[in-house]
Amino acid sequence: MNEQDAIAAAWDRIETWLREHAPRTLGTLNGPVDEHEIREAEQVLGVCLPPGLVMSLRRHDGACGQSADEEVDPAAFCLPSEHRLLPLSEIVARTLLLRSVEGGGGEWWHAGYLQVASYDITTDGTVLDCREGETYGRVGDFSRTSGTSFDGPADFGALLEATAMALEEGRGVLIDLDEEEVDEDDPNAAPLRERAVIWD
């Protein structure tokens, strides 16, 4: 299966699981990005966005990170790393911010890296390598204290596949509106529409 097919299949699995278990989290996923925004982002950043990321953005432009009262939304869709999948506008802003403070060469941050998901509370997050060559499209993990490492999934498609699998294997924790854990077998548990998923 090529990366494009893998991304479509992974999103199908993620959406199905969220619809059946955590509709509040499903509701935080944005619609598709406008095509002109993709080209504009590439011009601003001076990189070619990896095809897997573009395919995913055409499905969901990341996830909203704030609730109605402008606090960090605990229901927001996150990867198993607890990094919220960013909309393209935030990808651009956070990448430019990290470029402005880059130091220590490629071990910490490189101008060819792109932050695509964030821990929100800090600058830590998931990155893609957009440098030309063998590493193009590789998924990495950025820590403000230790820099960037590339020990995770090979590409964005594999990252979404791993997320779908983690949901299906029950590695997420369901919460209600009060952020209390939900037992799906409890007849008195919060109704389905109020449930969200977080990572343990």
C-alpha atoms as a PDB file:
ATOM      1  CA  MET A   1       0.000   0.000   0.000  1.00  0.00           C
ATOM      2  CA  ASN A   2       1.427   3.395  -0.945  1.00  0.00           C
ATOM      3  CA  GLU A   3       1.482   6.287   1.538  1.00  0.00           C
ATOM      4  CA  GLN A   4      -1.534   8.010  -0.048  1.00  0.00           C
ATOM      5  CA  ASP A   5      -3.689   4.892   0.313  1.00  0.00           C
ATOM      6  CA  ALA A   6      -2.314   4.302   3.816  1.00  0.00           C
ATOM      7  CA  ILE A   7      -3.359   7.804   4.899  1.00  0.00           C
ATOM      8  CA  ALA A   8      -6.874   7.457   3.498  1.00  0.00           C
ATOM      9  CA  ALA A   9      -7.266   4.056   5.184  1.00  0.00           C
ATOM     10  CA  ALA A  10      -5.854   5.331   8.477  1.00  0.00           C
ATOM     11  CA  TRP A  11      -8.212   8.312   8.545  1.00  0.00           C
ATOM     12  CA  ASP A  12     -11.146   5.984   7.786  1.00  0.00           C
ATOM     13  CA  ARG A  13     -10.186   3.857  10.798  1.00  0.00           C
ATOM     14  CA  ILE A  14      -9.570   6.864  13.072  1.00  0.00           C
ATOM     15  CA  GLU A  15     -12.866   8.535  12.156  1.00  0.00           C
ATOM     16  CA  THR A  16     -14.815   5.294  12.592  1.00  0.00           C
ATOM     17  CA  TRP A  17     -13.326   4.666  16.035  1.00  0.00           C
ATOM     18  CA  LEU A  18     -13.913   8.242  17.186  1.00  0.00           C
ATOM     19  CA  ARG A  19     -17.502   8.231  15.883  1.00  0.00           C
ATOM     20  CA  GLU A  20     -18.235   5.040  17.852  1.00  0.00           C
ATOM     21  CA  HIS A  21     -16.374   5.918  21.070  1.00  0.00           C
ATOM     22  CA  ALA A  22     -15.358   9.597  21.311  1.00  0.00           C
ATOM     23  CA  PRO A  23     -17.512  11.924  19.183  1.00  0.00           C
ATOM     24  CA  ARG A  24     -16.327  15.017  21.055  1.00  0.00           C
ATOM     25  CA  THR A  25     -12.785  14.373  19.851  1.00  0.00           C
ATOM     26  CA  LEU A  26     -14.017  13.695  16.316  1.00  0.00           C
ATOM     27  CA  GLY A  27     -15.664  17.123  16.422  1.00  0.00           C
ATOM     28  CA  THR A  28     -12.316  18.838  17.020  1.00  0.00           C
ATOM     29  CA  LEU A  29     -10.965  17.729  13.633  1.00  0.00           C
ATOM     30  CA  ASN A  30     -11.062  20.534  11.081  1.00  0.00           C
ATOM     31  CA  GLY A  31     -12.286  20.144   7.521  1.00  0.00           C
ATOM     32  CA  PRO A  32      -9.901  20.050   4.560  1.00  0.00           C
ATOM     33  CA  VAL A  33      -7.372  22.807   3.977  1.00  0.00           C
ATOM     34  CA  ASP A  34      -7.755  25.126   0.993  1.00  0.00           C
ATOM     35  CA  GLU A  35      -5.317  24.207  -1.781  1.00  0.00           C
ATOM     36  CA  HIS A  36      -3.997  27.772  -2.098  1.00  0.00           C
ATOM     37  CA  GLU A  37      -3.007  27.656   1.590  1.00  0.00           C
ATOM     38  CA  ILE A  38      -0.749  24.679   0.870  1.00  0.00           C
ATOM     39  CA  ARG A  39       1.093  26.545  -1.900  1.00  0.00           C
ATOM     40  CA  GLU A  40       1.284  29.691   0.229  1.00  0.00           C
ATOM     41  CA  ALA A  41       2.739  27.750   3.165  1.00  0.00           C
ATOM     42  CA  GLU A  42       5.385  26.197   0.897  1.00  0.00           C
ATOM     43  CA  GLN A  43       6.382  29.641  -0.334  1.00  0.00           C
ATOM     44  CA  VAL A  44       6.569  31.122   3.162  1.00  0.00           C
ATOM     45  CA  LEU A  45       8.571  28.197   4.545  1.00  0.00           C
ATOM     46  CA  GLY A  46      10.677  27.582   1.445  1.00  0.00           C
ATOM     47  CA  VAL A  47      10.066  23.820   1.527  1.00  0.00           C
ATOM     48  CA  CYS A  48       8.023  21.284  -0.399  1.00  0.00           C
ATOM     49  CA  LEU A  49       5.483  19.751   1.993  1.00  0.00           C
ATOM     50  CA  PRO A  50       5.755  15.946   2.015  1.00  0.00           C
ATOM     51  CA  PRO A  51       2.940  14.300  -0.027  1.00  0.00           C
ATOM     52  CA  GLY A  52       1.680  12.371   3.007  1.00  0.00           C
ATOM     53  CA  LEU A  53       1.161  15.560   4.987  1.00  0.00           C
ATOM     54  CA  VAL A  54      -0.574  17.218   2.032  1.00  0.00           C
ATOM     55  CA  MET A  55      -2.881  14.212   1.632  1.00  0.00           C
ATOM     56  CA  SER A  56      -3.757  14.363   5.325  1.00  0.00           C
ATOM     57  CA  LEU A  57      -4.380  18.123   5.235  1.00  0.00           C
ATOM     58  CA  ARG A  58      -6.778  17.584   2.342  1.00  0.00           C
ATOM     59  CA  ARG A  59      -8.764  15.359   4.695  1.00  0.00           C
ATOM     60  CA  HIS A  60      -8.355  17.255   7.973  1.00  0.00           C
ATOM     61  CA  ASP A  61      -6.585  20.565   8.516  1.00  0.00           C
ATOM     62  CA  GLY A  62      -5.397  19.446  11.938  1.00  0.00           C
ATOM     63  CA  ALA A  63      -7.463  19.792  15.098  1.00  0.00           C
ATOM     64  CA  CYS A  64      -8.795  22.767  17.034  1.00  0.00           C
ATOM     65  CA  GLY A  65      -6.765  23.273  20.179  1.00  0.00           C
ATOM     66  CA  GLN A  66      -9.018  25.555  22.193  1.00  0.00           C
ATOM     67  CA  SER A  67     -12.424  25.085  23.765  1.00  0.00           C
ATOM     68  CA  ALA A  68     -15.188  27.720  23.670  1.00  0.00           C
ATOM     69  CA  ASP A  69     -13.626  29.546  26.649  1.00  0.00           C
ATOM     70  CA  GLU A  70     -10.234  29.653  24.847  1.00  0.00           C
ATOM     71  CA  GLU A  71      -8.597  27.153  27.218  1.00  0.00           C
ATOM     72  CA  VAL A  72      -6.625  24.155  25.935  1.00  0.00           C
ATOM     73  CA  ASP A  73      -9.314  21.688  24.880  1.00  0.00           C
ATOM     74  CA  PRO A  74      -8.777  18.282  26.534  1.00  0.00           C
ATOM     75  CA  ALA A  75     -10.971  16.729  23.836  1.00  0.00           C
ATOM     76  CA  ALA A  76      -8.681  17.848  20.978  1.00  0.00           C
ATOM     77  CA  PHE A  77      -7.472  15.100  18.647  1.00  0.00           C
ATOM     78  CA  CYS A  78      -3.914  14.131  19.545  1.00  0.00           C
ATOM     79  CA  LEU A  79      -1.441  11.532  18.387  1.00  0.00           C
ATOM     80  CA  PRO A  80      -0.454   8.850  20.956  1.00  0.00           C
ATOM     81  CA  SER A  81       2.510  11.093  21.824  1.00  0.00           C
ATOM     82  CA  GLU A  82      -0.086  13.556  23.221  1.00  0.00           C
ATOM     83  CA  HIS A  83       0.850  15.983  20.449  1.00  0.00           C
ATOM     84  CA  ARG A  84      -2.156  17.743  18.898  1.00  0.00           C
ATOM     85  CA  LEU A  85      -2.267  17.542  15.112  1.00  0.00           C
ATOM     86  CA  LEU A  86      -1.790  21.146  13.973  1.00  0.00           C
ATOM     87  CA  PRO A  87      -3.730  23.078  11.328  1.00  0.00           C
ATOM     88  CA  LEU A  88      -1.536  24.356   8.497  1.00  0.00           C
ATOM     89  CA  SER A  89      -1.580  27.944   9.811  1.00  0.00           C
ATOM     90  CA  GLU A  90      -0.150  26.714  13.133  1.00  0.00           C
ATOM     91  CA  ILE A  91       2.369  24.485  11.358  1.00  0.00           C
ATOM     92  CA  VAL A  92       3.713  27.597   9.634  1.00  0.00           C
ATOM     93  CA  ALA A  93       3.691  29.758  12.781  1.00  0.00           C
ATOM     94  CA  ARG A  94       5.339  27.171  15.055  1.00  0.00           C
ATOM     95  CA  THR A  95       7.931  26.224  12.455  1.00  0.00           C
ATOM     96  CA  LEU A  96       8.879  29.876  11.971  1.00  0.00           C
ATOM     97  CA  LEU A  97       9.107  30.318  15.742  1.00  0.00           C
ATOM     98  CA  LEU A  98      11.448  27.342  16.091  1.00  0.00           C
ATOM     99  CA  ARG A  99      13.546  28.578  13.190  1.00  0.00           C
ATOM    100  CA  SER A 100      13.937  31.926  14.943  1.00  0.00           C
ATOM    101  CA  VAL A 101      15.551  30.231  17.957  1.00  0.00           C
ATOM    102  CA  GLU A 102      17.262  27.306  16.223  1.00  0.00           C
ATOM    103  CA  GLY A 103      20.624  26.346  17.588  1.00  0.00           C
ATOM    104  CA  GLY A 104      23.043  23.473  17.737  1.00  0.00           C
ATOM    105  CA  GLY A 105      22.558  22.419  14.124  1.00  0.00           C
ATOM    106  CA  GLY A 106      20.418  19.465  13.080  1.00  0.00           C
ATOM    107  CA  GLU A 107      20.505  17.821  16.511  1.00  0.00           C
ATOM    108  CA  TRP A 108      18.293  20.562  17.968  1.00  0.00           C
ATOM    109  CA  TRP A 109      16.438  22.123  15.031  1.00  0.00           C
ATOM    110  CA  HIS A 110      17.083  22.522  11.326  1.00  0.00           C
ATOM    111  CA  ALA A 111      15.476  25.020   8.940  1.00  0.00           C
ATOM    112  CA  GLY A 112      14.273  22.051   6.869  1.00  0.00           C
ATOM    113  CA  TYR A 113      12.183  20.658   9.730  1.00  0.00           C
ATOM    114  CA  LEU A 114       8.450  21.271  10.006  1.00  0.00           C
ATOM    115  CA  GLN A 115       6.481  20.997  13.258  1.00  0.00           C
ATOM    116  CA  VAL A 116       3.205  19.205  12.445  1.00  0.00           C
ATOM    117  CA  ALA A 117       1.919  18.364  15.933  1.00  0.00           C
ATOM    118  CA  SER A 118       2.459  20.007  19.295  1.00  0.00           C
ATOM    119  CA  TYR A 119       2.230  19.279  22.992  1.00  0.00           C
ATOM    120  CA  ASP A 120       0.630  22.786  23.211  1.00  0.00           C
ATOM    121  CA  ILE A 121       1.874  23.564  26.726  1.00  0.00           C
ATOM    122  CA  THR A 122       5.479  23.645  25.459  1.00  0.00           C
ATOM    123  CA  THR A 123       7.193  23.808  22.062  1.00  0.00           C
ATOM    124  CA  ASP A 124       7.728  20.020  22.090  1.00  0.00           C
ATOM    125  CA  GLY A 125       6.118  18.193  19.192  1.00  0.00           C
ATOM    126  CA  THR A 126       6.190  15.969  16.137  1.00  0.00           C
ATOM    127  CA  VAL A 127       8.252  17.077  13.138  1.00  0.00           C
ATOM    128  CA  LEU A 128       8.694  16.134   9.501  1.00  0.00           C
ATOM    129  CA  ASP A 129      12.026  16.401   7.736  1.00  0.00           C
ATOM    130  CA  CYS A 130      11.518  18.430   4.550  1.00  0.00           C
ATOM    131  CA  ARG A 131      15.147  18.456   3.446  1.00  0.00           C
ATOM    132  CA  GLU A 132      15.790  16.987   0.027  1.00  0.00           C
ATOM    133  CA  GLY A 133      17.302  13.526  -0.066  1.00  0.00           C
ATOM    134  CA  GLU A 134      16.883  10.205   1.716  1.00  0.00           C
ATOM    135  CA  THR A 135      15.443  11.732   4.893  1.00  0.00           C
ATOM    136  CA  TYR A 136      12.659  13.654   3.119  1.00  0.00           C
ATOM    137  CA  GLY A 137       9.277  13.028   4.788  1.00  0.00           C
ATOM    138  CA  ARG A 138      10.742  11.239   7.822  1.00  0.00           C
ATOM    139  CA  VAL A 139       8.838  11.655  11.125  1.00  0.00           C
ATOM    140  CA  GLY A 140      10.735  12.913  14.153  1.00  0.00           C
ATOM    141  CA  ASP A 141      10.166  14.018  17.715  1.00  0.00           C
ATOM    142  CA  PHE A 142      11.262  17.446  18.956  1.00  0.00           C
ATOM    143  CA  SER A 143      12.063  18.212  22.600  1.00  0.00           C
ATOM    144  CA  ARG A 144      13.012  21.715  23.691  1.00  0.00           C
ATOM    145  CA  THR A 145      15.598  20.189  26.052  1.00  0.00           C
ATOM    146  CA  SER A 146      17.166  17.420  23.964  1.00  0.00           C
ATOM    147  CA  GLY A 147      16.498  18.470  20.361  1.00  0.00           C
ATOM    148  CA  THR A 148      15.194  16.372  17.483  1.00  0.00           C
ATOM    149  CA  SER A 149      15.365  12.601  17.051  1.00  0.00           C
ATOM    150  CA  PHE A 150      14.042  10.354  14.298  1.00  0.00           C
ATOM    151  CA  ASP A 151      13.241   7.053  15.987  1.00  0.00           C
ATOM    152  CA  GLY A 152       9.520   6.826  15.197  1.00  0.00           C
ATOM    153  CA  PRO A 153       7.368   5.961  12.156  1.00  0.00           C
ATOM    154  CA  ALA A 154       9.003   6.240   8.745  1.00  0.00           C
ATOM    155  CA  ASP A 155       6.529   8.724   7.268  1.00  0.00           C
ATOM    156  CA  PHE A 156       3.268  10.538   7.931  1.00  0.00           C
ATOM    157  CA  GLY A 157       1.188   7.629   6.649  1.00  0.00           C
ATOM    158  CA  ALA A 158       2.857   5.259   9.106  1.00  0.00           C
ATOM    159  CA  LEU A 159       2.281   7.797  11.895  1.00  0.00           C
ATOM    160  CA  LEU A 160      -1.469   7.883  11.213  1.00  0.00           C
ATOM    161  CA  GLU A 161      -1.597   4.083  10.897  1.00  0.00           C
ATOM    162  CA  ALA A 162       0.062   3.775  14.312  1.00  0.00           C
ATOM    163  CA  THR A 163      -2.505   6.219  15.733  1.00  0.00           C
ATOM    164  CA  ALA A 164      -5.412   4.208  14.310  1.00  0.00           C
ATOM    165  CA  MET A 165      -3.957   1.009  15.744  1.00  0.00           C
ATOM    166  CA  ALA A 166      -3.442   2.581  19.173  1.00  0.00           C
ATOM    167  CA  LEU A 167      -7.094   3.678  19.270  1.00  0.00           C
ATOM    168  CA  GLU A 168      -8.350   0.269  18.155  1.00  0.00           C
ATOM    169  CA  GLU A 169      -6.170  -1.477  20.725  1.00  0.00           C
ATOM    170  CA  GLY A 170      -7.724   0.612  23.503  1.00  0.00           C
ATOM    171  CA  ARG A 171      -4.609   2.534  24.468  1.00  0.00           C
ATOM    172  CA  GLY A 172      -6.602   5.755  24.760  1.00  0.00           C
ATOM    173  CA  VAL A 173      -8.647   6.755  27.808  1.00  0.00           C
ATOM    174  CA  LEU A 174     -12.245   7.932  27.412  1.00  0.00           C
ATOM    175  CA  ILE A 175     -13.216  11.000  29.438  1.00  0.00           C
ATOM    176  CA  ASP A 176     -16.483  12.863  30.060  1.00  0.00           C
ATOM    177  CA  LEU A 177     -17.147  16.615  30.194  1.00  0.00           C
ATOM    178  CA  ASP A 178     -15.611  16.769  33.688  1.00  0.00           C
ATOM    179  CA  GLU A 179     -12.474  14.980  32.416  1.00  0.00           C
ATOM    180  CA  GLU A 180     -13.360  11.928  34.482  1.00  0.00           C
ATOM    181  CA  GLU A 181     -12.594   8.497  33.022  1.00  0.00           C
ATOM    182  CA  VAL A 182     -15.559   6.786  31.328  1.00  0.00           C
ATOM    183  CA  ASP A 183     -16.321   3.085  31.700  1.00  0.00           C
ATOM    184  CA  GLU A 184     -18.154   2.129  28.499  1.00  0.00           C
ATOM    185  CA  ASP A 185     -19.756  -0.838  30.274  1.00  0.00           C
ATOM    186  CA  ASP A 186     -21.287   1.349  33.006  1.00  0.00           C
ATOM    187  CA  PRO A 187     -24.977   2.032  32.195  1.00  0.00           C
ATOM    188  CA  ASN A 188     -24.718   5.313  34.140  1.00  0.00           C
ATOM    189  CA  ALA A 189     -21.662   6.545  32.226  1.00  0.00           C
ATOM    190  CA  ALA A 190     -21.726   9.845  30.347  1.00  0.00           C
ATOM    191  CA  PRO A 191     -23.669   9.684  27.079  1.00  0.00           C
ATOM    192  CA  LEU A 192     -21.690   8.962  23.928  1.00  0.00           C
ATOM    193  CA  ARG A 193     -21.926  12.541  22.615  1.00  0.00           C
ATOM    194  CA  GLU A 194     -20.012  13.825  25.680  1.00  0.00           C
ATOM    195  CA  ARG A 195     -17.064  11.439  25.385  1.00  0.00           C
ATOM    196  CA  ALA A 196     -13.560  12.323  24.267  1.00  0.00           C
ATOM    197  CA  VAL A 197     -10.312  10.371  24.139  1.00  0.00           C
ATOM    198  CA  ILE A 198      -6.984  11.236  25.726  1.00  0.00           C
ATOM    199  CA  TRP A 199      -3.760   9.205  25.927  1.00  0.00           C
ATOM    200  CA  ASP A 200      -2.624   7.518  29.088  1.00  0.00           C
END
